[in-house]
Amino acid sequence: MDEAPTRPERDVGKKAVIKALLISTWQQRLFFIIRSFIMGLLGASVTFLFILYFGSINFRVQIILGLCTFVFSLAVSRLLDVQIVRATRQIVAFLGNHRTLRDFVLNHL
């Protein structure tokens, strides 16, 4: 019969699980931050172009434009999902070596 794992072996296993959970959490948070940033940029650019073309905006048009802009930016960010996930993984790998930058991004954005 195999012997039960020793205390140091259990500690190594626990540390590996905690590290995997931390990386997963970082990826999810960064994924959300990046996707929100892209959606914000797309929404702002569509609104800017609309106001630039028409010169002004009233309340009703603002609500309709906001809804249309949100749907447009959500669709574009879904189309770029593979690229966003790839960029997020690269950012997590980079931030894994830069603790202060990682803490700033995750705590302030």
N, C-alpha and C. Protein backbone atom coordinates (compact mmCIF):
# COMPACT_ATOMS: atom_id res chain seq x y z
N MET A 1 0.84 -1.17 0.00
CA MET A 1 0.00 0.00 0.00
C MET A 1 0.89 1.24 0.00
N ASP A 2 0.50 2.22 -0.78
CA ASP A 2 1.26 3.46 -0.83
C ASP A 2 1.09 4.24 0.46
N GLU A 3 2.13 4.92 0.80
CA GLU A 3 2.07 5.73 2.00
C GLU A 3 1.37 7.05 1.70
N ALA A 4 0.77 7.63 2.74
CA ALA A 4 0.12 8.93 2.61
C ALA A 4 1.19 9.98 2.35
N PRO A 5 0.83 11.05 1.62
CA PRO A 5 1.82 12.10 1.34
C PRO A 5 2.32 12.75 2.63
N THR A 6 3.57 13.07 2.62
CA THR A 6 4.15 13.74 3.78
C THR A 6 3.73 15.20 3.81
N ARG A 7 4.01 15.83 4.93
CA ARG A 7 3.60 17.24 5.11
C ARG A 7 4.19 18.15 4.03
N PRO A 8 5.49 18.08 3.71
CA PRO A 8 6.02 18.95 2.65
C PRO A 8 5.36 18.71 1.29
N GLU A 9 5.01 17.46 0.99
CA GLU A 9 4.33 17.18 -0.28
C GLU A 9 2.95 17.81 -0.31
N ARG A 10 2.25 17.78 0.82
CA ARG A 10 0.93 18.42 0.88
C ARG A 10 1.06 19.93 0.72
N ASP A 11 2.08 20.52 1.35
CA ASP A 11 2.28 21.96 1.24
C ASP A 11 2.56 22.38 -0.20
N VAL A 12 3.35 21.59 -0.92
CA VAL A 12 3.64 21.89 -2.32
C VAL A 12 2.35 21.82 -3.14
N GLY A 13 1.53 20.81 -2.87
CA GLY A 13 0.26 20.68 -3.58
C GLY A 13 -0.68 21.85 -3.29
N LYS A 14 -0.74 22.26 -2.03
CA LYS A 14 -1.59 23.40 -1.67
C LYS A 14 -1.13 24.68 -2.35
N LYS A 15 0.19 24.88 -2.37
CA LYS A 15 0.72 26.08 -3.02
C LYS A 15 0.43 26.08 -4.51
N ALA A 16 0.50 24.93 -5.14
CA ALA A 16 0.21 24.85 -6.58
C ALA A 16 -1.26 25.16 -6.86
N VAL A 17 -2.15 24.66 -6.01
CA VAL A 17 -3.58 24.94 -6.19
C VAL A 17 -3.86 26.42 -5.97
N ILE A 18 -3.27 27.01 -4.95
CA ILE A 18 -3.49 28.44 -4.68
C ILE A 18 -2.95 29.28 -5.82
N LYS A 19 -1.79 28.93 -6.35
CA LYS A 19 -1.22 29.67 -7.48
C LYS A 19 -2.13 29.58 -8.71
N ALA A 20 -2.66 28.40 -8.98
CA ALA A 20 -3.57 28.22 -10.13
C ALA A 20 -4.83 29.05 -9.95
N LEU A 21 -5.38 29.09 -8.74
CA LEU A 21 -6.57 29.90 -8.47
C LEU A 21 -6.29 31.39 -8.61
N LEU A 22 -5.12 31.83 -8.15
CA LEU A 22 -4.76 33.24 -8.29
C LEU A 22 -4.62 33.63 -9.76
N ILE A 23 -3.98 32.80 -10.53
CA ILE A 23 -3.81 33.10 -11.97
C ILE A 23 -5.16 33.14 -12.66
N SER A 24 -6.04 32.23 -12.31
CA SER A 24 -7.38 32.22 -12.90
C SER A 24 -8.14 33.49 -12.53
N THR A 25 -8.03 33.91 -11.28
CA THR A 25 -8.69 35.14 -10.85
C THR A 25 -8.13 36.36 -11.57
N TRP A 26 -6.80 36.42 -11.70
CA TRP A 26 -6.18 37.54 -12.42
C TRP A 26 -6.65 37.57 -13.86
N GLN A 27 -6.73 36.41 -14.50
CA GLN A 27 -7.16 36.36 -15.89
C GLN A 27 -8.59 36.85 -16.03
N GLN A 28 -9.47 36.44 -15.14
CA GLN A 28 -10.86 36.86 -15.22
C GLN A 28 -10.99 38.36 -15.00
N ARG A 29 -10.30 38.90 -14.02
CA ARG A 29 -10.38 40.34 -13.76
C ARG A 29 -9.79 41.14 -14.91
N LEU A 30 -8.64 40.72 -15.42
CA LEU A 30 -8.03 41.43 -16.55
C LEU A 30 -8.87 41.30 -17.81
N PHE A 31 -9.47 40.14 -18.01
CA PHE A 31 -10.36 39.95 -19.15
C PHE A 31 -11.49 40.96 -19.09
N PHE A 32 -12.09 41.12 -17.93
CA PHE A 32 -13.17 42.09 -17.75
C PHE A 32 -12.67 43.51 -17.98
N ILE A 33 -11.51 43.86 -17.44
CA ILE A 33 -10.96 45.21 -17.59
C ILE A 33 -10.68 45.51 -19.07
N ILE A 34 -10.06 44.58 -19.77
CA ILE A 34 -9.72 44.80 -21.18
C ILE A 34 -10.98 44.90 -22.03
N ARG A 35 -11.93 43.99 -21.81
CA ARG A 35 -13.17 44.03 -22.58
C ARG A 35 -13.94 45.33 -22.31
N SER A 36 -14.00 45.77 -21.07
CA SER A 36 -14.68 47.02 -20.74
C SER A 36 -14.00 48.21 -21.39
N PHE A 37 -12.67 48.20 -21.40
CA PHE A 37 -11.92 49.27 -22.03
C PHE A 37 -12.20 49.34 -23.52
N ILE A 38 -12.21 48.20 -24.19
CA ILE A 38 -12.50 48.15 -25.63
C ILE A 38 -13.92 48.63 -25.90
N MET A 39 -14.87 48.17 -25.10
CA MET A 39 -16.26 48.59 -25.29
C MET A 39 -16.41 50.09 -25.05
N GLY A 40 -15.72 50.61 -24.06
CA GLY A 40 -15.78 52.05 -23.80
C GLY A 40 -15.22 52.87 -24.95
N LEU A 41 -14.08 52.41 -25.49
CA LEU A 41 -13.49 53.11 -26.63
C LEU A 41 -14.40 53.09 -27.85
N LEU A 42 -14.99 51.94 -28.13
CA LEU A 42 -15.91 51.84 -29.27
C LEU A 42 -17.14 52.72 -29.08
N GLY A 43 -17.71 52.69 -27.89
CA GLY A 43 -18.88 53.52 -27.61
C GLY A 43 -18.58 55.00 -27.71
N ALA A 44 -17.44 55.39 -27.16
CA ALA A 44 -17.06 56.81 -27.22
C ALA A 44 -16.79 57.25 -28.65
N SER A 45 -16.17 56.39 -29.44
CA SER A 45 -15.89 56.78 -30.82
C SER A 45 -17.17 56.90 -31.65
N VAL A 46 -18.12 55.98 -31.47
CA VAL A 46 -19.38 56.08 -32.20
C VAL A 46 -20.14 57.34 -31.78
N THR A 47 -20.19 57.62 -30.49
CA THR A 47 -20.87 58.82 -30.00
C THR A 47 -20.18 60.08 -30.52
N PHE A 48 -18.86 60.09 -30.50
CA PHE A 48 -18.11 61.23 -31.00
C PHE A 48 -18.39 61.47 -32.48
N LEU A 49 -18.38 60.41 -33.27
CA LEU A 49 -18.65 60.56 -34.70
C LEU A 49 -20.08 61.04 -34.95
N PHE A 50 -21.04 60.55 -34.17
CA PHE A 50 -22.42 60.98 -34.31
C PHE A 50 -22.57 62.48 -34.00
N ILE A 51 -21.98 62.91 -32.90
CA ILE A 51 -22.06 64.33 -32.53
C ILE A 51 -21.28 65.18 -33.51
N LEU A 52 -20.16 64.69 -34.00
CA LEU A 52 -19.37 65.43 -34.98
C LEU A 52 -20.17 65.62 -36.27
N TYR A 53 -20.90 64.61 -36.68
CA TYR A 53 -21.67 64.68 -37.92
C TYR A 53 -22.92 65.55 -37.76
N PHE A 54 -23.70 65.33 -36.70
CA PHE A 54 -24.96 66.05 -36.52
C PHE A 54 -24.82 67.35 -35.74
N GLY A 55 -23.77 67.54 -35.01
CA GLY A 55 -23.53 68.80 -34.31
C GLY A 55 -24.09 68.86 -32.91
N SER A 56 -25.12 68.10 -32.59
CA SER A 56 -25.69 68.11 -31.24
C SER A 56 -26.44 66.81 -31.01
N ILE A 57 -26.95 66.67 -29.80
CA ILE A 57 -27.67 65.46 -29.44
C ILE A 57 -28.70 65.82 -28.38
N ASN A 58 -29.90 65.28 -28.49
CA ASN A 58 -30.90 65.54 -27.46
C ASN A 58 -31.09 64.28 -26.61
N PHE A 59 -31.97 64.34 -25.61
CA PHE A 59 -32.11 63.26 -24.64
C PHE A 59 -32.59 61.96 -25.28
N ARG A 60 -33.62 62.04 -26.12
CA ARG A 60 -34.14 60.83 -26.76
C ARG A 60 -33.10 60.17 -27.65
N VAL A 61 -32.43 60.96 -28.45
CA VAL A 61 -31.40 60.43 -29.34
C VAL A 61 -30.25 59.85 -28.52
N GLN A 62 -29.95 60.49 -27.39
CA GLN A 62 -28.88 60.01 -26.53
C GLN A 62 -29.19 58.61 -25.99
N ILE A 63 -30.42 58.37 -25.58
CA ILE A 63 -30.80 57.05 -25.07
C ILE A 63 -30.73 56.01 -26.19
N ILE A 64 -31.28 56.32 -27.34
CA ILE A 64 -31.25 55.38 -28.47
C ILE A 64 -29.82 55.13 -28.92
N LEU A 65 -29.04 56.18 -29.02
CA LEU A 65 -27.64 56.04 -29.43
C LEU A 65 -26.87 55.22 -28.40
N GLY A 66 -27.13 55.43 -27.13
CA GLY A 66 -26.45 54.67 -26.09
C GLY A 66 -26.74 53.19 -26.18
N LEU A 67 -28.01 52.84 -26.41
CA LEU A 67 -28.37 51.43 -26.56
C LEU A 67 -27.73 50.81 -27.79
N CYS A 68 -27.80 51.52 -28.90
CA CYS A 68 -27.20 51.01 -30.14
C CYS A 68 -25.69 50.89 -30.02
N THR A 69 -25.07 51.86 -29.39
CA THR A 69 -23.63 51.84 -29.20
C THR A 69 -23.22 50.67 -28.32
N PHE A 70 -23.98 50.42 -27.25
CA PHE A 70 -23.67 49.31 -26.36
C PHE A 70 -23.76 47.98 -27.11
N VAL A 71 -24.81 47.79 -27.87
CA VAL A 71 -24.98 46.54 -28.62
C VAL A 71 -23.85 46.39 -29.64
N PHE A 72 -23.51 47.48 -30.33
CA PHE A 72 -22.43 47.44 -31.31
C PHE A 72 -21.09 47.09 -30.65
N SER A 73 -20.77 47.75 -29.56
CA SER A 73 -19.49 47.49 -28.90
C SER A 73 -19.44 46.10 -28.29
N LEU A 74 -20.57 45.59 -27.79
CA LEU A 74 -20.62 44.23 -27.25
C LEU A 74 -20.40 43.21 -28.38
N ALA A 75 -21.03 43.44 -29.52
CA ALA A 75 -20.85 42.53 -30.65
C ALA A 75 -19.41 42.53 -31.13
N VAL A 76 -18.80 43.68 -31.23
CA VAL A 76 -17.41 43.75 -31.69
C VAL A 76 -16.48 43.09 -30.69
N SER A 77 -16.71 43.32 -29.40
CA SER A 77 -15.84 42.68 -28.41
C SER A 77 -16.02 41.17 -28.39
N ARG A 78 -17.22 40.68 -28.71
CA ARG A 78 -17.43 39.23 -28.82
C ARG A 78 -16.73 38.68 -30.05
N LEU A 79 -16.72 39.44 -31.13
CA LEU A 79 -16.01 39.00 -32.33
C LEU A 79 -14.50 38.92 -32.10
N LEU A 80 -13.99 39.78 -31.23
CA LEU A 80 -12.56 39.81 -30.93
C LEU A 80 -12.22 38.98 -29.69
N ASP A 81 -13.09 38.06 -29.31
CA ASP A 81 -12.92 37.31 -28.06
C ASP A 81 -11.61 36.53 -28.03
N VAL A 82 -11.24 35.87 -29.11
CA VAL A 82 -10.01 35.08 -29.13
C VAL A 82 -8.79 35.97 -28.92
N GLN A 83 -8.78 37.11 -29.58
CA GLN A 83 -7.66 38.04 -29.44
C GLN A 83 -7.61 38.63 -28.03
N ILE A 84 -8.77 38.90 -27.44
CA ILE A 84 -8.81 39.45 -26.09
C ILE A 84 -8.28 38.43 -25.09
N VAL A 85 -8.67 37.18 -25.24
CA VAL A 85 -8.18 36.13 -24.33
C VAL A 85 -6.68 35.96 -24.48
N ARG A 86 -6.18 35.99 -25.70
CA ARG A 86 -4.73 35.86 -25.94
C ARG A 86 -3.98 37.03 -25.30
N ALA A 87 -4.48 38.23 -25.49
CA ALA A 87 -3.83 39.41 -24.90
C ALA A 87 -3.88 39.34 -23.37
N THR A 88 -4.99 38.87 -22.83
CA THR A 88 -5.11 38.76 -21.38
C THR A 88 -4.09 37.78 -20.82
N ARG A 89 -3.90 36.65 -21.48
CA ARG A 89 -2.91 35.67 -21.02
C ARG A 89 -1.49 36.25 -21.06
N GLN A 90 -1.19 37.01 -22.10
CA GLN A 90 0.13 37.62 -22.19
C GLN A 90 0.32 38.66 -21.10
N ILE A 91 -0.73 39.43 -20.82
CA ILE A 91 -0.64 40.44 -19.76
C ILE A 91 -0.47 39.78 -18.40
N VAL A 92 -1.19 38.68 -18.15
CA VAL A 92 -1.05 37.97 -16.88
C VAL A 92 0.37 37.42 -16.73
N ALA A 93 0.93 36.89 -17.80
CA ALA A 93 2.30 36.39 -17.75
C ALA A 93 3.27 37.53 -17.45
N PHE A 94 3.07 38.67 -18.07
CA PHE A 94 3.93 39.83 -17.82
C PHE A 94 3.78 40.32 -16.40
N LEU A 95 2.54 40.45 -15.92
CA LEU A 95 2.30 40.95 -14.58
C LEU A 95 2.73 39.97 -13.50
N GLY A 96 2.87 38.70 -13.85
CA GLY A 96 3.35 37.72 -12.88
C GLY A 96 4.76 38.04 -12.40
N ASN A 97 5.53 38.72 -13.23
CA ASN A 97 6.90 39.08 -12.87
C ASN A 97 7.03 40.50 -12.33
N HIS A 98 5.95 41.28 -12.34
CA HIS A 98 5.98 42.68 -11.91
C HIS A 98 4.89 42.90 -10.86
N ARG A 99 5.24 42.63 -9.63
CA ARG A 99 4.26 42.63 -8.54
C ARG A 99 3.60 43.99 -8.32
N THR A 100 4.37 45.07 -8.29
CA THR A 100 3.79 46.38 -8.01
C THR A 100 2.84 46.82 -9.12
N LEU A 101 3.22 46.58 -10.36
CA LEU A 101 2.35 46.92 -11.48
C LEU A 101 1.08 46.08 -11.46
N ARG A 102 1.21 44.79 -11.16
CA ARG A 102 0.06 43.90 -11.07
C ARG A 102 -0.91 44.35 -9.98
N ASP A 103 -0.37 44.69 -8.81
CA ASP A 103 -1.23 45.16 -7.72
C ASP A 103 -1.94 46.45 -8.09
N PHE A 104 -1.23 47.35 -8.78
CA PHE A 104 -1.87 48.61 -9.20
C PHE A 104 -3.02 48.35 -10.17
N VAL A 105 -2.79 47.53 -11.19
CA VAL A 105 -3.81 47.25 -12.19
C VAL A 105 -5.02 46.58 -11.55
N LEU A 106 -4.79 45.58 -10.75
CA LEU A 106 -5.89 44.83 -10.18
C LEU A 106 -6.64 45.60 -9.09
N ASN A 107 -5.97 46.52 -8.42
CA ASN A 107 -6.63 47.27 -7.34
C ASN A 107 -7.26 48.57 -7.79
N HIS A 108 -6.78 49.17 -8.88
CA HIS A 108 -7.25 50.49 -9.26
C HIS A 108 -8.02 50.55 -10.57
N LEU A 109 -8.05 49.49 -11.32
CA LEU A 109 -8.78 49.52 -12.60
C LEU A 109 -9.97 48.61 -12.55
